[in-house]
Amino acid sequence: MKLVKKDATEQSPVRAVLNAATMDRRTFLKRSGIGVGGIAAASSLSLSMMQKAEAADAPSAGGGETTRVRSICTHCSVGCGIYAEVQNGVWTGQ
């Protein structure tokens, strides 16, 4: 394929239609990115993921001893001290 410099004065009607139907690389990448992003977003929204919420059993109703353990919060970088309520090795409250 040989690259030829475009000349606006020598454009035939057929060539004008072909040039209007083409797109440059940047436009192609933009449109394909939007298309792929839209497909990815649509495929991540699954209707099977939506379920009716059910109440869990209360942690104290299961029996077992609840102990208070001093711990550190890892939500942010500060590391605040908190007391965790642990029942059967599971953090049930704070």
PDB file of N, CA and C in Angstrom:
ATOM      1  N   MET A   1       0.851  -1.170   0.000  1.00  0.00           N
ATOM      2  CA  MET A   1       0.000   0.000   0.000  1.00  0.00           C
ATOM      3  C   MET A   1       0.895   1.230   0.000  1.00  0.00           C
ATOM      4  N   LYS A   2       0.621   2.103  -0.890  1.00  0.00           N
ATOM      5  CA  LYS A   2       1.420   3.300  -1.037  1.00  0.00           C
ATOM      6  C   LYS A   2       0.664   4.493  -0.461  1.00  0.00           C
ATOM      7  N   LEU A   3       1.349   5.277   0.351  1.00  0.00           N
ATOM      8  CA  LEU A   3       0.748   6.472   0.918  1.00  0.00           C
ATOM      9  C   LEU A   3       0.881   7.624  -0.053  1.00  0.00           C
ATOM     10  N   VAL A   4      -0.223   8.284  -0.296  1.00  0.00           N
ATOM     11  CA  VAL A   4      -0.253   9.388  -1.245  1.00  0.00           C
ATOM     12  C   VAL A   4      -0.813  10.612  -0.526  1.00  0.00           C
ATOM     13  N   LYS A   5      -0.205  11.757  -0.770  1.00  0.00           N
ATOM     14  CA  LYS A   5      -0.677  12.990  -0.164  1.00  0.00           C
ATOM     15  C   LYS A   5      -2.025  13.370  -0.766  1.00  0.00           C
ATOM     16  N   LYS A   6      -2.973  13.714   0.105  1.00  0.00           N
ATOM     17  CA  LYS A   6      -4.307  14.089  -0.356  1.00  0.00           C
ATOM     18  C   LYS A   6      -4.268  15.468  -0.982  1.00  0.00           C
ATOM     19  N   ASP A   7      -5.021  15.607  -2.051  1.00  0.00           N
ATOM     20  CA  ASP A   7      -5.126  16.903  -2.708  1.00  0.00           C
ATOM     21  C   ASP A   7      -6.611  17.221  -2.828  1.00  0.00           C
ATOM     22  N   ALA A   8      -7.039  18.261  -2.187  1.00  0.00           N
ATOM     23  CA  ALA A   8      -8.458  18.602  -2.136  1.00  0.00           C
ATOM     24  C   ALA A   8      -9.006  19.002  -3.497  1.00  0.00           C
ATOM     25  N   THR A   9      -8.185  19.485  -4.393  1.00  0.00           N
ATOM     26  CA  THR A   9      -8.681  19.936  -5.693  1.00  0.00           C
ATOM     27  C   THR A   9      -8.955  18.777  -6.635  1.00  0.00           C
ATOM     28  N   GLU A  10      -8.313  17.636  -6.463  1.00  0.00           N
ATOM     29  CA  GLU A  10      -8.478  16.504  -7.377  1.00  0.00           C
ATOM     30  C   GLU A  10      -9.379  15.423  -6.800  1.00  0.00           C
ATOM     31  N   GLN A  11     -10.374  15.759  -6.049  1.00  0.00           N
ATOM     32  CA  GLN A  11     -11.209  14.762  -5.416  1.00  0.00           C
ATOM     33  C   GLN A  11     -12.443  14.479  -6.271  1.00  0.00           C
ATOM     34  N   SER A  12     -12.601  13.228  -6.664  1.00  0.00           N
ATOM     35  CA  SER A  12     -13.767  12.823  -7.445  1.00  0.00           C
ATOM     36  C   SER A  12     -14.939  12.580  -6.492  1.00  0.00           C
ATOM     37  N   PRO A  13     -16.172  12.515  -7.018  1.00  0.00           N
ATOM     38  CA  PRO A  13     -17.336  12.267  -6.158  1.00  0.00           C
ATOM     39  C   PRO A  13     -17.257  10.907  -5.453  1.00  0.00           C
ATOM     40  N   VAL A  14     -16.692   9.891  -6.128  1.00  0.00           N
ATOM     41  CA  VAL A  14     -16.577   8.563  -5.515  1.00  0.00           C
ATOM     42  C   VAL A  14     -15.575   8.622  -4.359  1.00  0.00           C
ATOM     43  N   ARG A  15     -14.458   9.296  -4.565  1.00  0.00           N
ATOM     44  CA  ARG A  15     -13.443   9.409  -3.518  1.00  0.00           C
ATOM     45  C   ARG A  15     -13.974  10.210  -2.328  1.00  0.00           C
ATOM     46  N   ALA A  16     -14.811  11.203  -2.586  1.00  0.00           N
ATOM     47  CA  ALA A  16     -15.384  11.995  -1.501  1.00  0.00           C
ATOM     48  C   ALA A  16     -16.289  11.130  -0.625  1.00  0.00           C
ATOM     49  N   VAL A  17     -17.056  10.228  -1.234  1.00  0.00           N
ATOM     50  CA  VAL A  17     -17.918   9.325  -0.469  1.00  0.00           C
ATOM     51  C   VAL A  17     -17.073   8.353   0.347  1.00  0.00           C
ATOM     52  N   LEU A  18     -15.997   7.823  -0.234  1.00  0.00           N
ATOM     53  CA  LEU A  18     -15.129   6.893   0.483  1.00  0.00           C
ATOM     54  C   LEU A  18     -14.423   7.577   1.650  1.00  0.00           C
ATOM     55  N   ASN A  19     -13.998   8.801   1.478  1.00  0.00           N
ATOM     56  CA  ASN A  19     -13.341   9.528   2.555  1.00  0.00           C
ATOM     57  C   ASN A  19     -14.322   9.847   3.685  1.00  0.00           C
ATOM     58  N   ALA A  20     -15.580  10.078   3.360  1.00  0.00           N
ATOM     59  CA  ALA A  20     -16.573  10.358   4.389  1.00  0.00           C
ATOM     60  C   ALA A  20     -16.890   9.106   5.197  1.00  0.00           C
ATOM     61  N   ALA A  21     -16.763   7.924   4.588  1.00  0.00           N
ATOM     62  CA  ALA A  21     -17.085   6.678   5.266  1.00  0.00           C
ATOM     63  C   ALA A  21     -15.932   6.157   6.107  1.00  0.00           C
ATOM     64  N   THR A  22     -14.754   6.712   5.986  1.00  0.00           N
ATOM     65  CA  THR A  22     -13.610   6.233   6.751  1.00  0.00           C
ATOM     66  C   THR A  22     -13.502   7.006   8.058  1.00  0.00           C
ATOM     67  N   MET A  23     -12.719   6.455   8.984  1.00  0.00           N
ATOM     68  CA  MET A  23     -12.464   7.160  10.234  1.00  0.00           C
ATOM     69  C   MET A  23     -10.991   7.030  10.569  1.00  0.00           C
ATOM     70  N   ASP A  24     -10.496   7.986  11.305  1.00  0.00           N
ATOM     71  CA  ASP A  24      -9.087   7.951  11.668  1.00  0.00           C
ATOM     72  C   ASP A  24      -8.878   7.042  12.887  1.00  0.00           C
ATOM     73  N   ARG A  25      -7.646   6.826  13.230  1.00  0.00           N
ATOM     74  CA  ARG A  25      -7.276   5.897  14.299  1.00  0.00           C
ATOM     75  C   ARG A  25      -7.821   6.368  15.650  1.00  0.00           C
ATOM     76  N   ARG A  26      -7.740   7.629  15.914  1.00  0.00           N
ATOM     77  CA  ARG A  26      -8.199   8.164  17.199  1.00  0.00           C
ATOM     78  C   ARG A  26      -9.695   7.954  17.385  1.00  0.00           C
ATOM     79  N   THR A  27     -10.478   8.223  16.342  1.00  0.00           N
ATOM     80  CA  THR A  27     -11.922   8.035  16.416  1.00  0.00           C
ATOM     81  C   THR A  27     -12.261   6.567  16.605  1.00  0.00           C
ATOM     82  N   PHE A  28     -11.546   5.681  15.907  1.00  0.00           N
ATOM     83  CA  PHE A  28     -11.775   4.253  16.052  1.00  0.00           C
ATOM     84  C   PHE A  28     -11.510   3.806  17.485  1.00  0.00           C
ATOM     85  N   LEU A  29     -10.395   4.252  18.070  1.00  0.00           N
ATOM     86  CA  LEU A  29     -10.061   3.856  19.435  1.00  0.00           C
ATOM     87  C   LEU A  29     -11.072   4.397  20.444  1.00  0.00           C
ATOM     88  N   LYS A  30     -11.537   5.619  20.251  1.00  0.00           N
ATOM     89  CA  LYS A  30     -12.540   6.189  21.145  1.00  0.00           C
ATOM     90  C   LYS A  30     -13.830   5.382  21.098  1.00  0.00           C
ATOM     91  N   ARG A  31     -14.298   5.111  19.888  1.00  0.00           N
ATOM     92  CA  ARG A  31     -15.570   4.398  19.745  1.00  0.00           C
ATOM     93  C   ARG A  31     -15.477   2.959  20.220  1.00  0.00           C
ATOM     94  N   SER A  32     -14.359   2.295  19.933  1.00  0.00           N
ATOM     95  CA  SER A  32     -14.225   0.918  20.388  1.00  0.00           C
ATOM     96  C   SER A  32     -14.060   0.866  21.903  1.00  0.00           C
ATOM     97  N   GLY A  33     -13.391   1.853  22.497  1.00  0.00           N
ATOM     98  CA  GLY A  33     -13.271   1.908  23.950  1.00  0.00           C
ATOM     99  C   GLY A  33     -14.611   2.109  24.627  1.00  0.00           C
ATOM    100  N   ILE A  34     -15.424   2.973  24.062  1.00  0.00           N
ATOM    101  CA  ILE A  34     -16.763   3.201  24.607  1.00  0.00           C
ATOM    102  C   ILE A  34     -17.602   1.933  24.477  1.00  0.00           C
ATOM    103  N   GLY A  35     -17.486   1.261  23.343  1.00  0.00           N
ATOM    104  CA  GLY A  35     -18.246   0.029  23.134  1.00  0.00           C
ATOM    105  C   GLY A  35     -17.831  -1.072  24.091  1.00  0.00           C
ATOM    106  N   VAL A  36     -16.533  -1.284  24.241  1.00  0.00           N
ATOM    107  CA  VAL A  36     -16.039  -2.332  25.139  1.00  0.00           C
ATOM    108  C   VAL A  36     -16.385  -1.999  26.586  1.00  0.00           C
ATOM    109  N   GLY A  37     -16.257  -0.729  26.970  1.00  0.00           N
ATOM    110  CA  GLY A  37     -16.619  -0.326  28.325  1.00  0.00           C
ATOM    111  C   GLY A  37     -18.094  -0.530  28.607  1.00  0.00           C
ATOM    112  N   GLY A  38     -18.925  -0.214  27.641  1.00  0.00           N
ATOM    113  CA  GLY A  38     -20.362  -0.419  27.805  1.00  0.00           C
ATOM    114  C   GLY A  38     -20.732  -1.886  27.929  1.00  0.00           C
ATOM    115  N   ILE A  39     -20.095  -2.723  27.134  1.00  0.00           N
ATOM    116  CA  ILE A  39     -20.354  -4.160  27.212  1.00  0.00           C
ATOM    117  C   ILE A  39     -19.885  -4.714  28.552  1.00  0.00           C
ATOM    118  N   ALA A  40     -18.714  -4.275  29.015  1.00  0.00           N
ATOM    119  CA  ALA A  40     -18.200  -4.747  30.308  1.00  0.00           C
ATOM    120  C   ALA A  40     -19.116  -4.317  31.449  1.00  0.00           C
ATOM    121  N   ALA A  41     -19.610  -3.096  31.401  1.00  0.00           N
ATOM    122  CA  ALA A  41     -20.507  -2.621  32.454  1.00  0.00           C
ATOM    123  C   ALA A  41     -21.831  -3.380  32.429  1.00  0.00           C
ATOM    124  N   ALA A  42     -22.341  -3.643  31.239  1.00  0.00           N
ATOM    125  CA  ALA A  42     -23.609  -4.359  31.128  1.00  0.00           C
ATOM    126  C   ALA A  42     -23.478  -5.808  31.571  1.00  0.00           C
ATOM    127  N   SER A  43     -22.333  -6.424  31.296  1.00  0.00           N
ATOM    128  CA  SER A  43     -22.174  -7.829  31.672  1.00  0.00           C
ATOM    129  C   SER A  43     -21.933  -7.985  33.168  1.00  0.00           C
ATOM    130  N   SER A  44     -21.455  -6.943  33.837  1.00  0.00           N
ATOM    131  CA  SER A  44     -21.231  -7.050  35.284  1.00  0.00           C
ATOM    132  C   SER A  44     -22.528  -6.920  36.068  1.00  0.00           C
ATOM    133  N   LEU A  45     -23.564  -6.390  35.460  1.00  0.00           N
ATOM    134  CA  LEU A  45     -24.855  -6.254  36.128  1.00  0.00           C
ATOM    135  C   LEU A  45     -25.699  -7.484  35.857  1.00  0.00           C
ATOM    136  N   SER A  46     -25.577  -8.441  36.719  1.00  0.00           N
ATOM    137  CA  SER A  46     -26.314  -9.685  36.550  1.00  0.00           C
ATOM    138  C   SER A  46     -27.565  -9.659  37.411  1.00  0.00           C
ATOM    139  N   LEU A  47     -28.670 -10.114  36.862  1.00  0.00           N
ATOM    140  CA  LEU A  47     -29.905 -10.145  37.629  1.00  0.00           C
ATOM    141  C   LEU A  47     -29.890 -11.249  38.674  1.00  0.00           C
ATOM    142  N   SER A  48     -29.049 -12.263  38.495  1.00  0.00           N
ATOM    143  CA  SER A  48     -28.995 -13.340  39.474  1.00  0.00           C
ATOM    144  C   SER A  48     -28.307 -12.889  40.759  1.00  0.00           C
ATOM    145  N   MET A  49     -27.581 -11.762  40.706  1.00  0.00           N
ATOM    146  CA  MET A  49     -26.922 -11.260  41.904  1.00  0.00           C
ATOM    147  C   MET A  49     -27.921 -10.591  42.842  1.00  0.00           C
ATOM    148  N   MET A  50     -29.049 -10.189  42.339  1.00  0.00           N
ATOM    149  CA  MET A  50     -30.050  -9.527  43.157  1.00  0.00           C
ATOM    150  C   MET A  50     -30.900 -10.583  43.852  1.00  0.00           C
ATOM    151  N   GLN A  51     -30.853 -10.583  45.178  1.00  0.00           N
ATOM    152  CA  GLN A  51     -31.627 -11.551  45.947  1.00  0.00           C
ATOM    153  C   GLN A  51     -32.359 -10.824  47.060  1.00  0.00           C
ATOM    154  N   LYS A  52     -33.388 -11.455  47.558  1.00  0.00           N
ATOM    155  CA  LYS A  52     -34.140 -10.884  48.648  1.00  0.00           C
ATOM    156  C   LYS A  52     -33.312 -10.977  49.925  1.00  0.00           C
ATOM    157  N   ALA A  53     -33.262  -9.901  50.681  1.00  0.00           N
ATOM    158  CA  ALA A  53     -32.483  -9.875  51.914  1.00  0.00           C
ATOM    159  C   ALA A  53     -33.221 -10.638  53.011  1.00  0.00           C
ATOM    160  N   GLU A  54     -32.458 -11.388  53.782  1.00  0.00           N
ATOM    161  CA  GLU A  54     -33.022 -12.133  54.904  1.00  0.00           C
ATOM    162  C   GLU A  54     -32.259 -11.739  56.166  1.00  0.00           C
ATOM    163  N   ALA A  55     -32.974 -11.659  57.272  1.00  0.00           N
ATOM    164  CA  ALA A  55     -32.349 -11.299  58.538  1.00  0.00           C
ATOM    165  C   ALA A  55     -31.516 -12.468  59.048  1.00  0.00           C
ATOM    166  N   ALA A  56     -30.321 -12.156  59.545  1.00  0.00           N
ATOM    167  CA  ALA A  56     -29.459 -13.187  60.117  1.00  0.00           C
ATOM    168  C   ALA A  56     -29.851 -13.420  61.564  1.00  0.00           C
ATOM    169  N   ASP A  57     -29.482 -14.578  62.080  1.00  0.00           N
ATOM    170  CA  ASP A  57     -29.741 -14.872  63.481  1.00  0.00           C
ATOM    171  C   ASP A  57     -28.896 -13.958  64.354  1.00  0.00           C
ATOM    172  N   ALA A  58     -29.431 -13.602  65.492  1.00  0.00           N
ATOM    173  CA  ALA A  58     -28.688 -12.757  66.424  1.00  0.00           C
ATOM    174  C   ALA A  58     -27.483 -13.540  66.948  1.00  0.00           C
ATOM    175  N   PRO A  59     -26.288 -12.910  67.040  1.00  0.00           N
ATOM    176  CA  PRO A  59     -25.104 -13.625  67.491  1.00  0.00           C
ATOM    177  C   PRO A  59     -25.211 -14.136  68.917  1.00  0.00           C
ATOM    178  N   SER A  60     -25.929 -13.430  69.771  1.00  0.00           N
ATOM    179  CA  SER A  60     -26.042 -13.871  71.156  1.00  0.00           C
ATOM    180  C   SER A  60     -26.995 -15.045  71.306  1.00  0.00           C
ATOM    181  N   ALA A  61     -27.878 -15.270  70.342  1.00  0.00           N
ATOM    182  CA  ALA A  61     -28.836 -16.359  70.422  1.00  0.00           C
ATOM    183  C   ALA A  61     -28.176 -17.706  70.184  1.00  0.00           C
ATOM    184  N   GLY A  62     -27.005 -17.733  69.551  1.00  0.00           N
ATOM    185  CA  GLY A  62     -26.336 -18.983  69.241  1.00  0.00           C
ATOM    186  C   GLY A  62     -25.651 -19.616  70.438  1.00  0.00           C
ATOM    187  N   GLY A  63     -25.617 -18.948  71.555  1.00  0.00           N
ATOM    188  CA  GLY A  63     -24.953 -19.477  72.738  1.00  0.00           C
ATOM    189  C   GLY A  63     -23.458 -19.221  72.656  1.00  0.00           C
ATOM    190  N   GLY A  64     -22.750 -19.654  73.617  1.00  0.00           N
ATOM    191  CA  GLY A  64     -21.323 -19.425  73.644  1.00  0.00           C
ATOM    192  C   GLY A  64     -20.990 -18.154  74.391  1.00  0.00           C
ATOM    193  N   GLU A  65     -19.776 -18.073  74.860  1.00  0.00           N
ATOM    194  CA  GLU A  65     -19.346 -16.945  75.659  1.00  0.00           C
ATOM    195  C   GLU A  65     -18.856 -15.805  74.770  1.00  0.00           C
ATOM    196  N   THR A  66     -19.284 -14.597  75.085  1.00  0.00           N
ATOM    197  CA  THR A  66     -18.835 -13.420  74.364  1.00  0.00           C
ATOM    198  C   THR A  66     -17.739 -12.746  75.181  1.00  0.00           C
ATOM    199  N   THR A  67     -16.582 -12.520  74.548  1.00  0.00           N
ATOM    200  CA  THR A  67     -15.472 -11.868  75.222  1.00  0.00           C
ATOM    201  C   THR A  67     -15.159 -10.553  74.531  1.00  0.00           C
ATOM    202  N   ARG A  68     -14.585  -9.618  75.289  1.00  0.00           N
ATOM    203  CA  ARG A  68     -14.170  -8.328  74.732  1.00  0.00           C
ATOM    204  C   ARG A  68     -12.663  -8.372  74.539  1.00  0.00           C
ATOM    205  N   VAL A  69     -12.209  -8.076  73.327  1.00  0.00           N
ATOM    206  CA  VAL A  69     -10.794  -8.115  72.971  1.00  0.00           C
ATOM    207  C   VAL A  69     -10.399  -6.745  72.463  1.00  0.00           C
ATOM    208  N   ARG A  70      -9.275  -6.224  72.974  1.00  0.00           N
ATOM    209  CA  ARG A  70      -8.759  -4.930  72.499  1.00  0.00           C
ATOM    210  C   ARG A  70      -8.109  -5.157  71.148  1.00  0.00           C
ATOM    211  N   SER A  71      -8.456  -4.324  70.133  1.00  0.00           N
ATOM    212  CA  SER A  71      -7.943  -4.482  68.781  1.00  0.00           C
ATOM    213  C   SER A  71      -7.694  -3.104  68.174  1.00  0.00           C
ATOM    214  N   ILE A  72      -7.219  -3.093  66.947  1.00  0.00           N
ATOM    215  CA  ILE A  72      -6.942  -1.854  66.226  1.00  0.00           C
ATOM    216  C   ILE A  72      -7.801  -1.819  64.974  1.00  0.00           C
ATOM    217  N   CYS A  73      -8.450  -0.680  64.752  1.00  0.00           N
ATOM    218  CA  CYS A  73      -9.273  -0.498  63.559  1.00  0.00           C
ATOM    219  C   CYS A  73      -8.363  -0.321  62.342  1.00  0.00           C
ATOM    220  N   THR A  74      -8.651  -1.026  61.263  1.00  0.00           N
ATOM    221  CA  THR A  74      -7.846  -0.927  60.047  1.00  0.00           C
ATOM    222  C   THR A  74      -8.577  -0.188  58.932  1.00  0.00           C
ATOM    223  N   HIS A  75      -9.625   0.552  59.285  1.00  0.00           N
ATOM    224  CA  HIS A  75     -10.405   1.242  58.259  1.00  0.00           C
ATOM    225  C   HIS A  75      -9.588   2.337  57.565  1.00  0.00           C
ATOM    226  N   CYS A  76      -8.807   3.078  58.333  1.00  0.00           N
ATOM    227  CA  CYS A  76      -7.957   4.110  57.747  1.00  0.00           C
ATOM    228  C   CYS A  76      -6.540   3.939  58.290  1.00  0.00           C
ATOM    229  N   SER A  77      -5.677   4.853  57.995  1.00  0.00           N
ATOM    230  CA  SER A  77      -4.281   4.718  58.396  1.00  0.00           C
ATOM    231  C   SER A  77      -4.010   5.194  59.818  1.00  0.00           C
ATOM    232  N   VAL A  78      -5.016   5.698  60.538  1.00  0.00           N
ATOM    233  CA  VAL A  78      -4.801   6.204  61.883  1.00  0.00           C
ATOM    234  C   VAL A  78      -4.588   5.060  62.871  1.00  0.00           C
ATOM    235  N   GLY A  79      -5.388   4.003  62.807  1.00  0.00           N
ATOM    236  CA  GLY A  79      -5.236   2.859  63.699  1.00  0.00           C
ATOM    237  C   GLY A  79      -5.805   3.111  65.078  1.00  0.00           C
ATOM    238  N   CYS A  80      -7.045   3.509  65.166  1.00  0.00           N
ATOM    239  CA  CYS A  80      -7.692   3.777  66.445  1.00  0.00           C
ATOM    240  C   CYS A  80      -7.870   2.476  67.226  1.00  0.00           C
ATOM    241  N   GLY A  81      -7.838   2.570  68.543  1.00  0.00           N
ATOM    242  CA  GLY A  81      -8.064   1.400  69.388  1.00  0.00           C
ATOM    243  C   GLY A  81      -9.547   1.164  69.577  1.00  0.00           C
ATOM    244  N   ILE A  82      -9.976  -0.084  69.470  1.00  0.00           N
ATOM    245  CA  ILE A  82     -11.381  -0.436  69.660  1.00  0.00           C
ATOM    246  C   ILE A  82     -11.466  -1.721  70.463  1.00  0.00           C
ATOM    247  N   TYR A  83     -12.638  -1.977  71.036  1.00  0.00           N
ATOM    248  CA  TYR A  83     -12.896  -3.222  71.739  1.00  0.00           C
ATOM    249  C   TYR A  83     -13.808  -4.073  70.858  1.00  0.00           C
ATOM    250  N   ALA A  84     -13.357  -5.263  70.522  1.00  0.00           N
ATOM    251  CA  ALA A  84     -14.141  -6.166  69.689  1.00  0.00           C
ATOM    252  C   ALA A  84     -14.866  -7.167  70.571  1.00  0.00           C
ATOM    253  N   GLU A  85     -16.113  -7.441  70.266  1.00  0.00           N
ATOM    254  CA  GLU A  85     -16.868  -8.491  70.950  1.00  0.00           C
ATOM    255  C   GLU A  85     -16.738  -9.755  70.122  1.00  0.00           C
ATOM    256  N   VAL A  86     -16.110 -10.780  70.673  1.00  0.00           N
ATOM    257  CA  VAL A  86     -15.816 -12.011  69.956  1.00  0.00           C
ATOM    258  C   VAL A  86     -16.605 -13.154  70.570  1.00  0.00           C
ATOM    259  N   GLN A  87     -17.278 -13.918  69.712  1.00  0.00           N
ATOM    260  CA  GLN A  87     -18.050 -15.072  70.158  1.00  0.00           C
ATOM    261  C   GLN A  87     -17.682 -16.266  69.290  1.00  0.00           C
ATOM    262  N   ASN A  88     -17.185 -17.303  69.883  1.00  0.00           N
ATOM    263  CA  ASN A  88     -16.738 -18.525  69.178  1.00  0.00           C
ATOM    264  C   ASN A  88     -15.724 -18.193  68.093  1.00  0.00           C
ATOM    265  N   GLY A  89     -14.828 -17.251  68.341  1.00  0.00           N
ATOM    266  CA  GLY A  89     -13.784 -16.882  67.388  1.00  0.00           C
ATOM    267  C   GLY A  89     -14.246 -15.980  66.269  1.00  0.00           C
ATOM    268  N   VAL A  90     -15.469 -15.476  66.329  1.00  0.00           N
ATOM    269  CA  VAL A  90     -16.013 -14.612  65.275  1.00  0.00           C
ATOM    270  C   VAL A  90     -16.302 -13.247  65.858  1.00  0.00           C
ATOM    271  N   TRP A  91     -15.850 -12.195  65.164  1.00  0.00           N
ATOM    272  CA  TRP A  91     -16.101 -10.823  65.583  1.00  0.00           C
ATOM    273  C   TRP A  91     -17.572 -10.537  65.373  1.00  0.00           C
ATOM    274  N   THR A  92     -18.296 -10.290  66.456  1.00  0.00           N
ATOM    275  CA  THR A  92     -19.749 -10.074  66.359  1.00  0.00           C
ATOM    276  C   THR A  92     -20.158  -8.638  66.601  1.00  0.00           C
ATOM    277  N   GLY A  93     -19.301  -7.847  67.209  1.00  0.00           N
ATOM    278  CA  GLY A  93     -19.671  -6.458  67.481  1.00  0.00           C
ATOM    279  C   GLY A  93     -18.474  -5.689  67.985  1.00  0.00           C
ATOM    280  N   GLN A  94     -18.694  -4.404  68.236  1.00  0.00           N
ATOM    281  CA  GLN A  94     -17.617  -3.577  68.771  1.00  0.00           C
ATOM    282  C   GLN A  94     -18.189  -2.553  69.718  1.00  0.00           C
TER     283      GLN A  94
END
